[in-house]
N, C-alpha and C. Protein backbone atom coordinates (compact mmCIF):
# COMPACT_ATOMS: atom_id res chain seq x y z
N MET A 1 18.32 -1.27 -12.32
CA MET A 1 17.50 -0.73 -11.72
C MET A 1 17.78 -0.40 -10.08
N ILE A 2 17.36 0.49 -9.76
CA ILE A 2 17.91 0.95 -7.70
C ILE A 2 17.32 0.25 -7.37
N LYS A 3 17.58 -0.44 -5.95
CA LYS A 3 16.91 -1.37 -4.66
C LYS A 3 16.05 -0.25 -3.43
N ILE A 4 14.92 -0.26 -3.25
CA ILE A 4 14.28 -0.27 -2.03
C ILE A 4 14.60 -0.88 -1.13
N ILE A 5 15.25 -0.68 -0.19
CA ILE A 5 15.19 -0.92 0.99
C ILE A 5 14.13 -0.73 2.19
N ILE A 6 13.46 -1.87 2.81
CA ILE A 6 12.65 -1.28 3.63
C ILE A 6 12.57 -2.68 5.27
N ASP A 7 12.11 -1.69 5.16
CA ASP A 7 12.17 -2.11 6.86
C ASP A 7 11.03 -3.34 6.81
N HIS A 8 11.27 -4.56 7.50
CA HIS A 8 10.46 -5.58 7.10
C HIS A 8 8.81 -5.21 8.25
N ARG A 9 8.77 -4.02 9.35
CA ARG A 9 7.42 -4.32 9.96
C ARG A 9 6.97 -3.32 8.90
N GLU A 10 6.94 -2.65 7.72
CA GLU A 10 6.24 -1.98 7.00
C GLU A 10 5.20 -3.03 6.00
N ARG A 11 5.95 -4.35 5.86
CA ARG A 11 4.57 -5.76 5.25
C ARG A 11 3.43 -5.40 5.29
N PRO A 12 2.66 -4.82 6.93
CA PRO A 12 1.58 -5.14 6.88
C PRO A 12 0.71 -3.88 6.50
N SER A 13 1.33 -2.56 6.22
CA SER A 13 1.24 -1.51 5.90
C SER A 13 0.42 -1.45 4.16
N GLY A 14 1.41 -2.70 3.83
CA GLY A 14 0.96 -2.87 1.89
C GLY A 14 2.22 -2.11 1.30
N ILE A 15 2.73 -1.79 1.81
CA ILE A 15 3.52 -0.72 0.61
C ILE A 15 4.50 -1.49 0.00
N ILE A 16 4.83 -2.64 0.13
CA ILE A 16 6.32 -3.76 -0.27
C ILE A 16 5.14 -4.50 -1.37
N LYS A 17 3.97 -4.74 -1.71
CA LYS A 17 3.33 -4.95 -2.58
C LYS A 17 3.27 -3.64 -3.77
N GLU A 18 2.75 -2.99 -3.08
CA GLU A 18 2.57 -1.51 -3.66
C GLU A 18 3.56 -1.36 -4.70
N LEU A 19 4.97 -1.29 -4.05
CA LEU A 19 6.25 -0.98 -4.99
C LEU A 19 6.33 -2.53 -6.21
N ILE A 20 6.21 -3.72 -5.40
CA ILE A 20 6.28 -4.64 -6.41
C ILE A 20 5.74 -4.25 -7.83
N LYS A 21 4.12 -4.32 -7.21
CA LYS A 21 3.20 -3.68 -8.48
C LYS A 21 3.79 -3.31 -9.80
N ARG A 22 4.87 -2.21 -9.24
CA ARG A 22 5.26 -1.04 -9.64
C ARG A 22 6.44 -1.46 -10.56
N GLY A 23 6.87 -2.68 -10.31
CA GLY A 23 8.03 -2.98 -11.44
C GLY A 23 9.44 -3.07 -10.30
N LEU A 24 9.51 -2.56 -8.74
CA LEU A 24 10.70 -1.86 -8.30
C LEU A 24 11.88 -3.14 -7.80
N GLU A 25 12.64 -3.20 -7.13
CA GLU A 25 13.42 -4.27 -6.78
C GLU A 25 13.32 -3.68 -5.24
N VAL A 26 12.99 -4.83 -4.52
CA VAL A 26 12.74 -4.48 -2.67
C VAL A 26 13.25 -5.64 -2.04
N GLU A 27 13.95 -5.15 -1.21
CA GLU A 27 14.28 -5.56 -0.09
C GLU A 27 14.15 -5.62 1.45
N GLU A 28 13.38 -6.94 2.10
CA GLU A 28 12.68 -6.29 2.88
C GLU A 28 14.60 -6.75 4.41
N LYS A 29 14.53 -5.70 5.45
CA LYS A 29 15.37 -5.66 6.46
C LYS A 29 14.86 -5.54 7.33
N GLN A 30 15.63 -6.02 8.51
CA GLN A 30 15.32 -5.15 10.04
C GLN A 30 16.79 -4.12 9.92
N LEU A 31 15.86 -2.14 10.02
CA LEU A 31 16.44 -1.37 9.59
C LEU A 31 16.47 -1.11 10.92
N GLU A 32 17.59 -0.30 11.73
CA GLU A 32 17.80 0.37 12.94
C GLU A 32 17.17 1.57 12.54
N VAL A 33 17.60 2.07 11.54
CA VAL A 33 17.08 3.85 11.55
C VAL A 33 16.43 4.02 10.03
N ALA A 34 15.50 4.67 10.27
CA ALA A 34 14.60 4.99 8.52
C ALA A 34 13.64 3.80 8.90
N ASP A 35 12.62 4.12 7.54
CA ASP A 35 12.13 3.09 7.48
C ASP A 35 11.83 2.19 5.87
N PHE A 36 12.45 3.11 5.27
CA PHE A 36 12.98 2.69 3.64
C PHE A 36 14.53 3.55 3.59
N ILE A 37 14.98 2.98 2.82
CA ILE A 37 16.55 3.59 2.07
C ILE A 37 17.08 3.13 0.99
N ILE A 38 16.94 4.32 -0.08
CA ILE A 38 17.22 3.90 -1.49
C ILE A 38 18.72 4.93 -1.53
N GLN A 39 19.34 4.12 -2.39
CA GLN A 39 21.04 4.47 -2.24
C GLN A 39 21.16 3.89 -4.24
N SER A 40 22.51 4.77 -4.31
CA SER A 40 22.73 5.06 -5.91
C SER A 40 24.15 5.04 -5.61
N LYS A 41 25.31 4.86 -6.94
CA LYS A 41 26.93 5.55 -6.78
C LYS A 41 26.68 6.57 -7.43
N THR A 42 27.59 7.39 -7.38
CA THR A 42 27.80 8.49 -7.88
C THR A 42 29.26 7.74 -9.05
N ILE A 43 29.17 9.31 -10.12
CA ILE A 43 30.27 8.63 -11.13
C ILE A 43 31.60 8.27 -10.85
N ASP A 44 31.98 9.31 -9.83
CA ASP A 44 33.20 8.74 -8.54
C ASP A 44 33.28 7.97 -7.99
N ASP A 45 32.36 6.86 -8.00
CA ASP A 45 31.83 5.49 -7.21
C ASP A 45 31.32 5.73 -5.77
N LYS A 46 31.46 7.20 -4.93
CA LYS A 46 30.75 7.21 -4.61
C LYS A 46 29.24 6.73 -3.96
N ILE A 47 29.17 6.38 -2.77
CA ILE A 47 27.80 5.80 -2.43
C ILE A 47 26.55 6.99 -1.80
N VAL A 48 25.38 7.26 -2.29
CA VAL A 48 24.23 8.44 -1.86
C VAL A 48 23.28 7.73 -1.44
N SER A 49 23.00 7.69 -0.38
CA SER A 49 22.23 7.13 0.51
C SER A 49 21.28 8.08 0.92
N ILE A 50 19.77 7.95 0.60
CA ILE A 50 18.66 8.68 1.18
C ILE A 50 17.81 7.88 1.93
N GLY A 51 17.54 8.44 2.99
CA GLY A 51 16.69 8.28 3.91
C GLY A 51 15.72 8.47 4.57
N ILE A 52 14.49 7.86 4.79
CA ILE A 52 13.34 8.16 4.85
C ILE A 52 12.33 7.35 5.70
N GLU A 53 11.96 8.35 6.73
CA GLU A 53 11.25 7.90 8.31
C GLU A 53 9.92 8.40 7.77
N LYS A 54 9.04 7.05 7.67
CA LYS A 54 7.16 7.37 7.45
C LYS A 54 7.21 7.53 8.80
N LYS A 55 5.62 7.94 8.75
CA LYS A 55 4.52 7.69 10.10
C LYS A 55 3.24 8.09 9.19
N SER A 56 2.42 7.29 10.24
CA SER A 56 0.57 7.68 10.17
C SER A 56 0.83 8.87 10.88
N LEU A 57 -0.09 9.81 10.42
CA LEU A 57 -0.98 10.59 11.53
C LEU A 57 -0.95 10.62 12.74
N ASN A 58 -1.39 9.60 13.51
CA ASN A 58 -1.70 8.93 14.99
C ASN A 58 -0.39 8.80 15.04
N ASP A 59 0.84 8.09 14.81
CA ASP A 59 2.19 7.90 15.10
C ASP A 59 2.71 8.66 15.30
N PHE A 60 2.57 10.17 14.27
CA PHE A 60 3.44 11.36 14.33
C PHE A 60 2.52 11.87 15.73
N LEU A 61 1.86 12.12 16.25
CA LEU A 61 1.47 12.79 17.63
C LEU A 61 1.99 11.28 18.54
N ASN A 62 1.87 10.60 18.33
CA ASN A 62 2.02 9.96 19.17
C ASN A 62 3.64 9.97 19.58
N SER A 63 4.39 10.19 18.47
CA SER A 63 6.02 10.26 18.80
C SER A 63 6.64 11.68 19.74
N ILE A 64 5.11 12.72 18.81
CA ILE A 64 5.90 13.49 19.78
C ILE A 64 5.77 14.08 21.39
N ALA A 65 4.36 12.94 21.47
CA ALA A 65 4.31 13.36 23.14
C ALA A 65 5.15 12.63 23.71
N ASP A 66 5.37 11.39 23.27
CA ASP A 66 6.58 10.60 23.75
C ASP A 66 7.87 10.75 23.85
N LYS A 67 8.00 11.76 22.99
CA LYS A 67 9.43 12.21 22.29
C LYS A 67 10.17 11.47 21.82
N ARG A 68 9.88 10.26 20.89
CA ARG A 68 10.73 9.54 20.15
C ARG A 68 11.32 10.27 18.85
N LEU A 69 10.37 10.72 18.44
CA LEU A 69 10.86 11.52 16.81
C LEU A 69 11.63 12.40 17.39
N ILE A 70 12.30 13.14 17.58
CA ILE A 70 13.38 13.97 18.62
C ILE A 70 14.87 13.12 18.03
N LYS A 71 14.92 11.85 18.76
CA LYS A 71 15.81 11.24 18.42
C LYS A 71 16.16 10.10 16.83
N GLN A 72 14.42 9.58 16.40
CA GLN A 72 14.95 9.44 15.21
C GLN A 72 14.86 10.12 14.02
N LEU A 73 14.44 11.96 13.98
CA LEU A 73 15.28 12.99 13.29
C LEU A 73 16.84 12.79 13.43
N MET A 74 17.01 12.86 14.42
CA MET A 74 18.87 12.94 14.67
C MET A 74 19.36 12.18 14.25
N ASN A 75 19.04 10.60 14.20
CA ASN A 75 19.43 9.25 13.94
C ASN A 75 19.58 9.51 12.40
N LEU A 76 18.08 10.23 11.74
CA LEU A 76 18.71 10.21 10.48
C LEU A 76 19.37 10.45 9.57
N LYS A 77 19.38 12.25 10.14
CA LYS A 77 20.22 13.36 9.69
C LYS A 77 21.56 12.67 9.53
N ASP A 78 21.94 12.59 10.50
CA ASP A 78 23.48 11.53 10.67
C ASP A 78 23.59 10.24 10.16
N ASN A 79 22.95 9.25 9.85
CA ASN A 79 23.14 8.33 9.13
C ASN A 79 22.47 8.43 7.60
N PHE A 80 22.43 9.77 6.95
CA PHE A 80 22.17 9.95 5.22
C PHE A 80 22.46 10.81 4.85
N ASP A 81 22.93 10.69 3.62
CA ASP A 81 22.86 11.94 3.15
C ASP A 81 21.87 13.03 2.84
N ILE A 82 20.58 12.14 2.40
CA ILE A 82 19.62 12.70 2.23
C ILE A 82 18.55 12.56 2.93
N PRO A 83 18.40 13.27 4.02
CA PRO A 83 17.10 12.43 4.66
C PRO A 83 15.39 13.07 4.38
N LEU A 84 14.97 12.60 4.48
CA LEU A 84 13.24 12.70 4.24
C LEU A 84 12.47 12.37 5.55
N PHE A 85 11.19 13.21 5.15
CA PHE A 85 9.96 12.53 6.12
C PHE A 85 8.83 12.77 5.36
N ILE A 86 8.60 11.54 5.63
CA ILE A 86 6.88 10.93 5.16
C ILE A 86 5.83 11.64 5.86
N LEU A 87 4.98 12.32 6.29
CA LEU A 87 3.49 12.12 6.94
C LEU A 87 2.36 11.67 6.35
N GLU A 88 2.30 10.18 6.38
CA GLU A 88 0.90 9.38 5.63
C GLU A 88 -0.35 9.19 6.30
N GLY A 89 -1.00 10.57 5.69
CA GLY A 89 -2.98 10.40 6.20
C GLY A 89 -3.77 11.48 5.19
N ASN A 90 -4.98 10.90 5.43
CA ASN A 90 -5.79 12.71 4.28
C ASN A 90 -6.75 13.00 5.22
N ASP A 91 -6.73 12.61 6.75
CA ASP A 91 -7.35 13.03 7.71
C ASP A 91 -6.62 14.81 8.10
N ASN A 92 -7.56 15.40 8.89
CA ASN A 92 -7.48 16.70 9.54
C ASN A 92 -6.20 15.86 10.92
N ILE A 93 -5.71 16.02 10.78
CA ILE A 93 -4.54 15.94 11.42
C ILE A 93 -4.61 16.54 13.10
N TYR A 94 -4.94 17.67 12.83
CA TYR A 94 -5.35 18.95 14.05
C TYR A 94 -7.04 18.38 14.88
N ALA A 95 -7.73 17.16 14.15
CA ALA A 95 -9.38 16.49 15.10
C ALA A 95 -9.07 15.41 15.11
N LEU A 96 -7.53 14.45 15.36
CA LEU A 96 -7.66 13.47 15.55
C LEU A 96 -7.09 13.38 17.07
N ARG A 97 -6.66 14.49 17.80
CA ARG A 97 -5.71 14.07 19.39
C ARG A 97 -6.12 15.75 20.24
N ASN A 98 -5.99 15.18 21.45
CA ASN A 98 -6.38 16.48 21.93
C ASN A 98 -4.92 17.47 21.91
N PHE A 99 -4.67 17.77 20.68
CA PHE A 99 -3.23 18.03 20.81
C PHE A 99 -3.57 19.89 20.28
N HIS A 100 -2.75 20.53 20.77
CA HIS A 100 -2.84 22.24 20.50
C HIS A 100 -2.60 22.47 19.08
N PRO A 101 -2.94 22.82 18.09
CA PRO A 101 -2.71 23.11 16.74
C PRO A 101 -0.81 24.00 16.80
N ASN A 102 -0.60 24.47 17.09
CA ASN A 102 0.47 24.87 17.20
C ASN A 102 1.10 24.26 17.62
N ALA A 103 1.47 23.26 18.61
CA ALA A 103 2.61 21.73 18.80
C ALA A 103 2.74 21.25 18.24
N ILE A 104 1.78 21.26 17.04
CA ILE A 104 1.64 20.28 15.48
C ILE A 104 2.66 21.07 14.75
N ARG A 105 2.29 22.39 14.26
CA ARG A 105 3.31 23.79 13.98
C ARG A 105 4.36 23.37 13.82
N GLY A 106 4.30 23.00 14.98
CA GLY A 106 5.59 23.93 15.48
C GLY A 106 6.58 22.54 15.47
N MET A 107 6.48 21.49 15.70
CA MET A 107 7.33 20.30 15.51
C MET A 107 7.21 19.96 14.12
N LEU A 108 6.22 20.73 13.37
CA LEU A 108 6.76 20.26 11.56
C LEU A 108 7.75 21.33 10.86
N ALA A 109 7.43 22.31 11.79
CA ALA A 109 8.85 23.82 11.31
C ALA A 109 9.51 23.11 12.27
N SER A 110 10.25 23.00 13.04
CA SER A 110 11.19 22.31 13.63
C SER A 110 11.53 21.13 12.60
N ILE A 111 11.05 20.51 11.99
CA ILE A 111 11.54 19.21 11.18
C ILE A 111 11.89 19.91 9.80
N ILE A 112 11.64 20.67 9.82
CA ILE A 112 12.02 21.25 8.25
C ILE A 112 12.91 22.63 8.74
N ILE A 113 13.31 23.36 9.80
CA ILE A 113 14.15 24.78 9.88
C ILE A 113 15.31 23.44 10.18
N ASP A 114 15.06 23.26 11.77
CA ASP A 114 16.16 23.21 13.00
C ASP A 114 17.13 21.85 12.20
N PHE A 115 16.02 20.71 11.62
CA PHE A 115 16.65 19.62 11.34
C PHE A 115 17.14 19.34 9.84
N GLN A 116 16.35 20.67 9.17
CA GLN A 116 17.00 20.20 7.33
C GLN A 116 16.61 19.34 6.93
N ILE A 117 14.89 18.24 7.37
CA ILE A 117 14.37 17.70 6.47
C ILE A 117 13.32 18.14 6.24
N PRO A 118 13.25 17.67 4.29
CA PRO A 118 12.18 18.09 3.57
C PRO A 118 10.99 16.97 4.43
N VAL A 119 9.71 17.62 4.04
CA VAL A 119 8.23 16.85 4.87
C VAL A 119 7.85 17.02 3.79
N LEU A 120 7.30 15.66 3.55
CA LEU A 120 6.35 15.38 2.12
C LEU A 120 5.07 14.35 2.80
N ASN A 121 4.11 15.34 2.70
CA ASN A 121 2.53 14.74 2.86
C ASN A 121 1.94 14.07 1.89
N THR A 122 1.89 12.29 2.49
CA THR A 122 1.05 11.55 1.50
C THR A 122 -0.41 10.99 1.71
N LYS A 123 -1.06 10.45 0.54
CA LYS A 123 -2.59 10.36 1.28
C LYS A 123 -2.69 9.22 1.85
N GLY A 124 -1.63 8.27 1.57
CA GLY A 124 -1.57 6.83 1.75
C GLY A 124 -0.52 6.21 1.17
N CYS A 125 -1.31 4.56 1.62
CA CYS A 125 -0.55 3.89 0.91
C CYS A 125 0.21 4.06 -0.44
N LYS A 126 -0.61 3.76 -1.05
CA LYS A 126 -0.64 3.72 -2.59
C LYS A 126 -0.05 5.51 -2.93
N ASP A 127 -0.21 6.23 -2.32
CA ASP A 127 1.02 7.73 -2.86
C ASP A 127 1.99 7.39 -2.59
N THR A 128 2.44 7.01 -0.83
CA THR A 128 4.04 6.64 -0.37
C THR A 128 4.14 5.96 -1.91
N ALA A 129 3.90 4.94 -2.13
CA ALA A 129 4.52 4.07 -2.98
C ALA A 129 5.08 5.09 -4.26
N SER A 130 3.98 5.33 -5.12
CA SER A 130 4.26 6.46 -5.99
C SER A 130 5.50 7.27 -6.07
N PHE A 131 5.78 8.00 -4.82
CA PHE A 131 6.48 8.97 -4.45
C PHE A 131 7.97 8.20 -4.32
N LEU A 132 8.05 6.75 -3.10
CA LEU A 132 9.49 6.24 -3.28
C LEU A 132 10.02 5.81 -4.60
N GLU A 133 8.90 5.24 -5.68
CA GLU A 133 8.72 5.37 -7.32
C GLU A 133 9.67 6.26 -7.70
N ILE A 134 9.41 7.52 -7.42
CA ILE A 134 9.80 9.02 -8.37
C ILE A 134 10.81 9.11 -7.90
N ILE A 135 11.57 9.26 -6.54
CA ILE A 135 12.22 9.39 -5.90
C ILE A 135 13.44 8.30 -6.14
N ALA A 136 13.02 6.98 -6.34
CA ALA A 136 13.99 6.18 -6.99
C ALA A 136 14.73 6.65 -8.13
N LYS A 137 13.72 6.85 -9.40
CA LYS A 137 13.82 7.15 -10.65
C LYS A 137 14.61 8.19 -10.83
N ARG A 138 14.37 8.93 -10.15
CA ARG A 138 15.20 10.59 -9.87
C ARG A 138 16.72 10.20 -9.63
N LEU A 139 17.22 9.24 -8.63
CA LEU A 139 18.09 9.25 -7.83
C LEU A 139 18.61 8.19 -9.15
N GLU A 140 18.30 7.71 -9.26
CA GLU A 140 18.90 7.04 -10.98
C GLU A 140 19.45 8.07 -12.14
N LYS A 141 18.70 8.20 -12.50
CA LYS A 141 18.69 9.46 -13.28
C LYS A 141 20.12 10.03 -12.75
N LYS A 142 20.24 11.03 -11.30
CA LYS A 142 21.22 11.68 -11.41
C LYS A 142 22.74 10.77 -10.83
N ARG A 143 22.66 9.80 -11.03
CA ARG A 143 23.75 8.80 -10.67
C ARG A 143 24.88 8.88 -11.09
N SER A 144 24.75 10.08 -11.99
CA SER A 144 26.37 10.21 -12.94
C SER A 144 26.72 11.61 -12.28
N PHE A 145 26.42 12.12 -11.34
CA PHE A 145 26.44 13.30 -10.78
C PHE A 145 27.15 13.68 -9.88
N SER A 146 28.37 13.73 -9.24
CA SER A 146 29.02 13.58 -8.46
C SER A 146 28.33 14.90 -7.57
N SER A 147 28.02 15.79 -7.97
CA SER A 147 27.92 17.17 -6.98
C SER A 147 26.73 16.71 -6.22
N LEU A 148 25.97 15.57 -6.80
CA LEU A 148 24.54 15.10 -5.68
C LEU A 148 24.86 14.90 -4.54
N LEU A 149 26.28 14.29 -3.80
CA LEU A 149 26.72 13.55 -2.70
C LEU A 149 27.15 15.33 -2.52
N GLY A 150 26.31 15.74 -1.78
CA GLY A 150 26.73 17.07 -0.61
C GLY A 150 27.17 16.64 0.66
N LYS A 151 27.96 17.35 1.17
CA LYS A 151 28.83 17.14 2.80
C LYS A 151 27.55 16.71 3.66
N ARG A 152 27.51 15.85 4.57
CA ARG A 152 26.26 15.73 5.46
C ARG A 152 26.94 16.72 6.38
N LYS A 153 25.37 17.51 6.64
CA LYS A 153 26.04 18.44 8.15
C LYS A 153 25.35 18.04 9.09
N GLN A 154 26.53 17.82 10.49
CA GLN A 154 26.36 17.41 11.43
C GLN A 154 25.80 18.27 12.57
N LEU A 155 24.98 17.66 13.71
CA LEU A 155 24.44 18.77 14.63
C LEU A 155 25.66 19.26 15.58
N THR A 156 25.94 19.97 15.83
CA THR A 156 26.55 20.77 16.58
C THR A 156 26.05 20.28 17.74
N LEU A 157 27.81 20.75 18.54
CA LEU A 157 27.64 20.02 20.45
C LEU A 157 26.38 20.18 21.07
N LYS A 158 25.94 22.20 21.05
CA LYS A 158 24.94 22.79 21.14
C LYS A 158 23.40 22.28 20.65
N GLU A 159 23.69 22.01 19.57
CA GLU A 159 22.20 21.65 19.15
C GLU A 159 21.42 20.24 19.51
N GLN A 160 23.05 19.38 19.92
CA GLN A 160 22.56 18.25 20.48
C GLN A 160 22.12 18.01 21.79
N GLN A 161 22.69 18.68 22.30
CA GLN A 161 22.52 19.29 23.77
C GLN A 161 21.33 19.70 24.17
N GLU A 162 20.39 20.75 23.20
CA GLU A 162 19.13 21.00 23.87
C GLU A 162 18.41 20.08 22.82
N LEU A 163 18.60 19.31 21.84
CA LEU A 163 17.93 18.74 21.66
C LEU A 163 17.50 17.63 22.67
N LEU A 164 18.65 16.74 22.99
CA LEU A 164 18.84 15.93 24.69
C LEU A 164 17.85 16.64 25.28
N ILE A 165 17.62 17.39 25.58
CA ILE A 165 16.91 17.73 26.95
C ILE A 165 15.61 18.35 26.49
N GLU A 166 15.05 18.47 25.34
CA GLU A 166 13.93 18.61 24.72
C GLU A 166 13.15 17.47 24.73
N THR A 167 13.95 16.57 25.24
CA THR A 167 12.94 14.96 24.80
C THR A 167 12.63 14.54 26.52
N LEU A 168 12.81 15.36 27.59
CA LEU A 168 12.22 15.39 28.58
C LEU A 168 10.55 15.91 28.35
N PRO A 169 9.77 15.48 29.53
CA PRO A 169 8.78 15.87 29.44
C PRO A 169 8.35 17.89 29.77
N GLY A 170 7.39 18.40 28.95
CA GLY A 170 6.91 19.44 29.06
C GLY A 170 7.94 20.29 28.15
N ILE A 171 9.11 20.16 27.94
CA ILE A 171 10.20 20.97 27.43
C ILE A 171 10.21 21.21 25.95
N GLY A 172 9.99 22.20 25.84
CA GLY A 172 10.28 22.13 24.39
C GLY A 172 11.57 23.48 23.78
N SER A 173 12.03 23.96 22.83
CA SER A 173 12.74 24.47 22.75
C SER A 173 13.47 25.69 22.97
N VAL A 174 12.55 26.62 24.05
CA VAL A 174 12.85 27.47 24.52
C VAL A 174 13.04 27.23 25.82
N LEU A 175 12.07 25.89 26.47
CA LEU A 175 12.58 25.85 27.94
C LEU A 175 13.93 24.93 28.39
N SER A 176 14.29 24.73 26.95
CA SER A 176 15.38 23.54 26.98
C SER A 176 16.98 25.03 26.78
N LYS A 177 16.29 25.68 25.91
CA LYS A 177 17.94 26.50 26.42
C LYS A 177 17.77 27.45 27.84
N SER A 178 16.69 27.39 28.15
CA SER A 178 16.16 27.98 29.92
C SER A 178 16.87 27.23 30.67
N LEU A 179 16.76 25.82 30.94
CA LEU A 179 17.22 25.34 31.50
C LEU A 179 19.30 24.82 31.05
N LEU A 180 19.39 24.74 30.03
CA LEU A 180 20.75 24.48 29.93
C LEU A 180 21.89 26.04 30.61
N SER A 181 21.41 27.35 30.11
CA SER A 181 21.51 28.45 30.35
C SER A 181 21.59 28.53 31.82
N GLU A 182 20.59 27.96 32.75
CA GLU A 182 20.80 27.98 33.98
C GLU A 182 21.63 27.12 34.73
N PHE A 183 21.95 25.69 34.24
CA PHE A 183 22.94 24.65 34.30
C PHE A 183 23.82 24.51 33.52
N LYS A 184 24.07 24.95 32.65
CA LYS A 184 25.23 25.18 32.05
C LYS A 184 25.39 23.72 31.23
N THR A 185 25.37 22.74 31.60
CA THR A 185 24.97 20.81 31.34
C THR A 185 24.44 20.37 31.66
N VAL A 186 24.41 19.06 30.61
CA VAL A 186 23.41 18.55 30.69
C VAL A 186 23.05 17.54 32.38
N LYS A 187 24.79 17.11 32.62
CA LYS A 187 25.16 16.04 33.94
C LYS A 187 23.95 16.90 35.19
N LYS A 188 24.09 18.18 34.88
CA LYS A 188 23.67 19.04 35.66
C LYS A 188 22.16 18.79 36.05
N ILE A 189 21.55 19.23 34.53
CA ILE A 189 20.30 19.09 34.38
C ILE A 189 19.84 18.20 35.01
N ILE A 190 20.38 16.63 34.85
CA ILE A 190 19.54 15.51 35.41
C ILE A 190 19.73 15.04 36.74
N ASN A 191 21.11 15.84 37.27
CA ASN A 191 21.12 15.78 38.59
C ASN A 191 20.15 16.61 39.62
N ALA A 192 19.98 17.51 39.11
CA ALA A 192 19.18 18.57 39.58
C ALA A 192 18.14 18.37 40.73
N ASN A 193 17.65 18.68 41.70
CA ASN A 193 16.37 18.09 42.25
C ASN A 193 15.20 18.93 41.69
N GLU A 194 13.95 18.92 42.38
CA GLU A 194 12.83 19.02 41.88
C GLU A 194 13.18 21.23 42.40
N LYS A 195 13.69 21.46 43.49
CA LYS A 195 13.32 22.64 43.56
C LYS A 195 14.35 23.22 42.72
N LYS A 196 15.70 22.96 42.37
CA LYS A 196 16.46 23.27 41.54
C LYS A 196 16.26 23.65 40.26
N LEU A 197 15.29 22.50 39.91
CA LEU A 197 14.52 22.48 38.99
C LEU A 197 13.21 23.69 38.73
N GLN A 198 12.66 23.89 39.90
CA GLN A 198 11.66 25.20 40.25
C GLN A 198 12.36 26.55 39.63
N ASN A 199 13.30 26.77 39.87
CA ASN A 199 13.83 28.18 39.68
C ASN A 199 13.97 28.74 38.39
N VAL A 200 14.00 27.48 37.16
CA VAL A 200 14.30 28.01 36.03
C VAL A 200 12.26 28.64 35.78
N LYS A 201 12.37 29.91 35.34
CA LYS A 201 11.22 29.91 34.77
C LYS A 201 9.96 29.47 34.03
N LYS A 202 8.60 29.17 34.23
CA LYS A 202 8.05 28.30 33.94
C LYS A 202 8.11 26.71 34.21
N ILE A 203 8.88 26.34 34.99
CA ILE A 203 9.40 25.05 35.35
C ILE A 203 8.81 24.86 36.20
N GLY A 204 7.13 24.54 36.89
CA GLY A 204 6.31 24.29 38.44
C GLY A 204 6.82 22.79 39.12
N ALA A 205 5.97 23.00 39.86
CA ALA A 205 6.50 21.36 40.57
C ALA A 205 5.59 20.20 39.79
N ILE A 206 4.65 20.56 39.41
CA ILE A 206 3.89 19.85 38.09
C ILE A 206 5.11 18.91 37.14
N LYS A 207 5.84 20.08 36.96
CA LYS A 207 6.45 19.63 35.50
C LYS A 207 8.26 18.96 35.80
N ALA A 208 8.46 20.26 37.10
CA ALA A 208 9.85 19.20 37.44
C ALA A 208 9.53 17.69 38.16
N ARG A 209 8.47 17.77 38.99
CA ARG A 209 8.33 16.06 39.39
C ARG A 209 8.24 14.92 38.23
N LYS A 210 7.78 15.45 37.04
CA LYS A 210 7.50 14.75 35.70
C LYS A 210 9.17 14.31 35.54
N ILE A 211 9.82 15.18 35.41
CA ILE A 211 11.07 15.50 35.31
C ILE A 211 12.27 14.10 35.58
N ARG A 212 12.00 14.86 37.01
CA ARG A 212 12.70 13.52 38.13
C ARG A 212 12.34 12.40 38.26
N GLU A 213 10.83 11.90 37.52
CA GLU A 213 10.04 10.68 37.47
C GLU A 213 10.57 10.21 35.99
N VAL A 214 10.94 10.83 35.56
CA VAL A 214 11.21 10.07 34.06
C VAL A 214 13.02 9.73 33.99
N ILE A 215 13.92 10.65 34.96
CA ILE A 215 15.29 10.14 35.54
C ILE A 215 15.25 9.08 36.49
N GLU A 216 14.67 8.89 37.54
CA GLU A 216 14.74 8.40 38.21
C GLU A 216 13.72 7.02 38.20
N LYS A 217 12.84 7.11 37.42
CA LYS A 217 11.98 5.83 37.62
C LYS A 217 13.30 4.33 37.08
N GLU A 218 12.62 3.30 37.14
CA GLU A 218 13.41 2.16 36.97
C GLU A 218 12.69 1.97 35.38
N TYR A 219 13.77 1.46 34.61
CA TYR A 219 13.16 1.09 33.29
C TYR A 219 12.15 -0.61 33.00
N MET A 220 11.18 -0.55 33.02
CA MET A 220 10.08 -1.83 32.98
C MET A 220 10.18 -2.20 31.82
């Protein structure tokens, strides 16, 4: 039976209890990347790893606002053969917070297209547990096929630069490209003062000030 490795911070969610109920082998650990890891060996003795990041609807919105999600997705992509993203919740995500619907749609599209990470929507803890069970059983059936282990796609240097700049406040994919086109390197963007940042179209005084605050303020 394939073991599911679960980040210990998931215990309060009830997911561990649900998986044990289903007769699955579970191991709790402190995970640096992903919330769930499922691994199997292929016929030629290679390890196939599935890394799954799970977020509630509110946590998903929070991670868009504070830019955590970009780094988490990059780590997921870089560390696993098969990365997956689970969005857990049955509420109307567009009504939960004061977010423009297109900002939410844009992030979901970015996960699927830019990062090439499939997005699964589950209704709650039990539904998530059912998905994990099915994924584990599917992987166990496939363990005899070496073709399952594909070459992990690494982000190009250009993509890494763009995604890094996107973590700055108010900067999406379009402005990230504009900043890099103007300044040429990430270092020059980081070193640019507010006046120079405002030379880029659609970056005004407020946005430039917020960018400088993130760069200059001492970490607390």
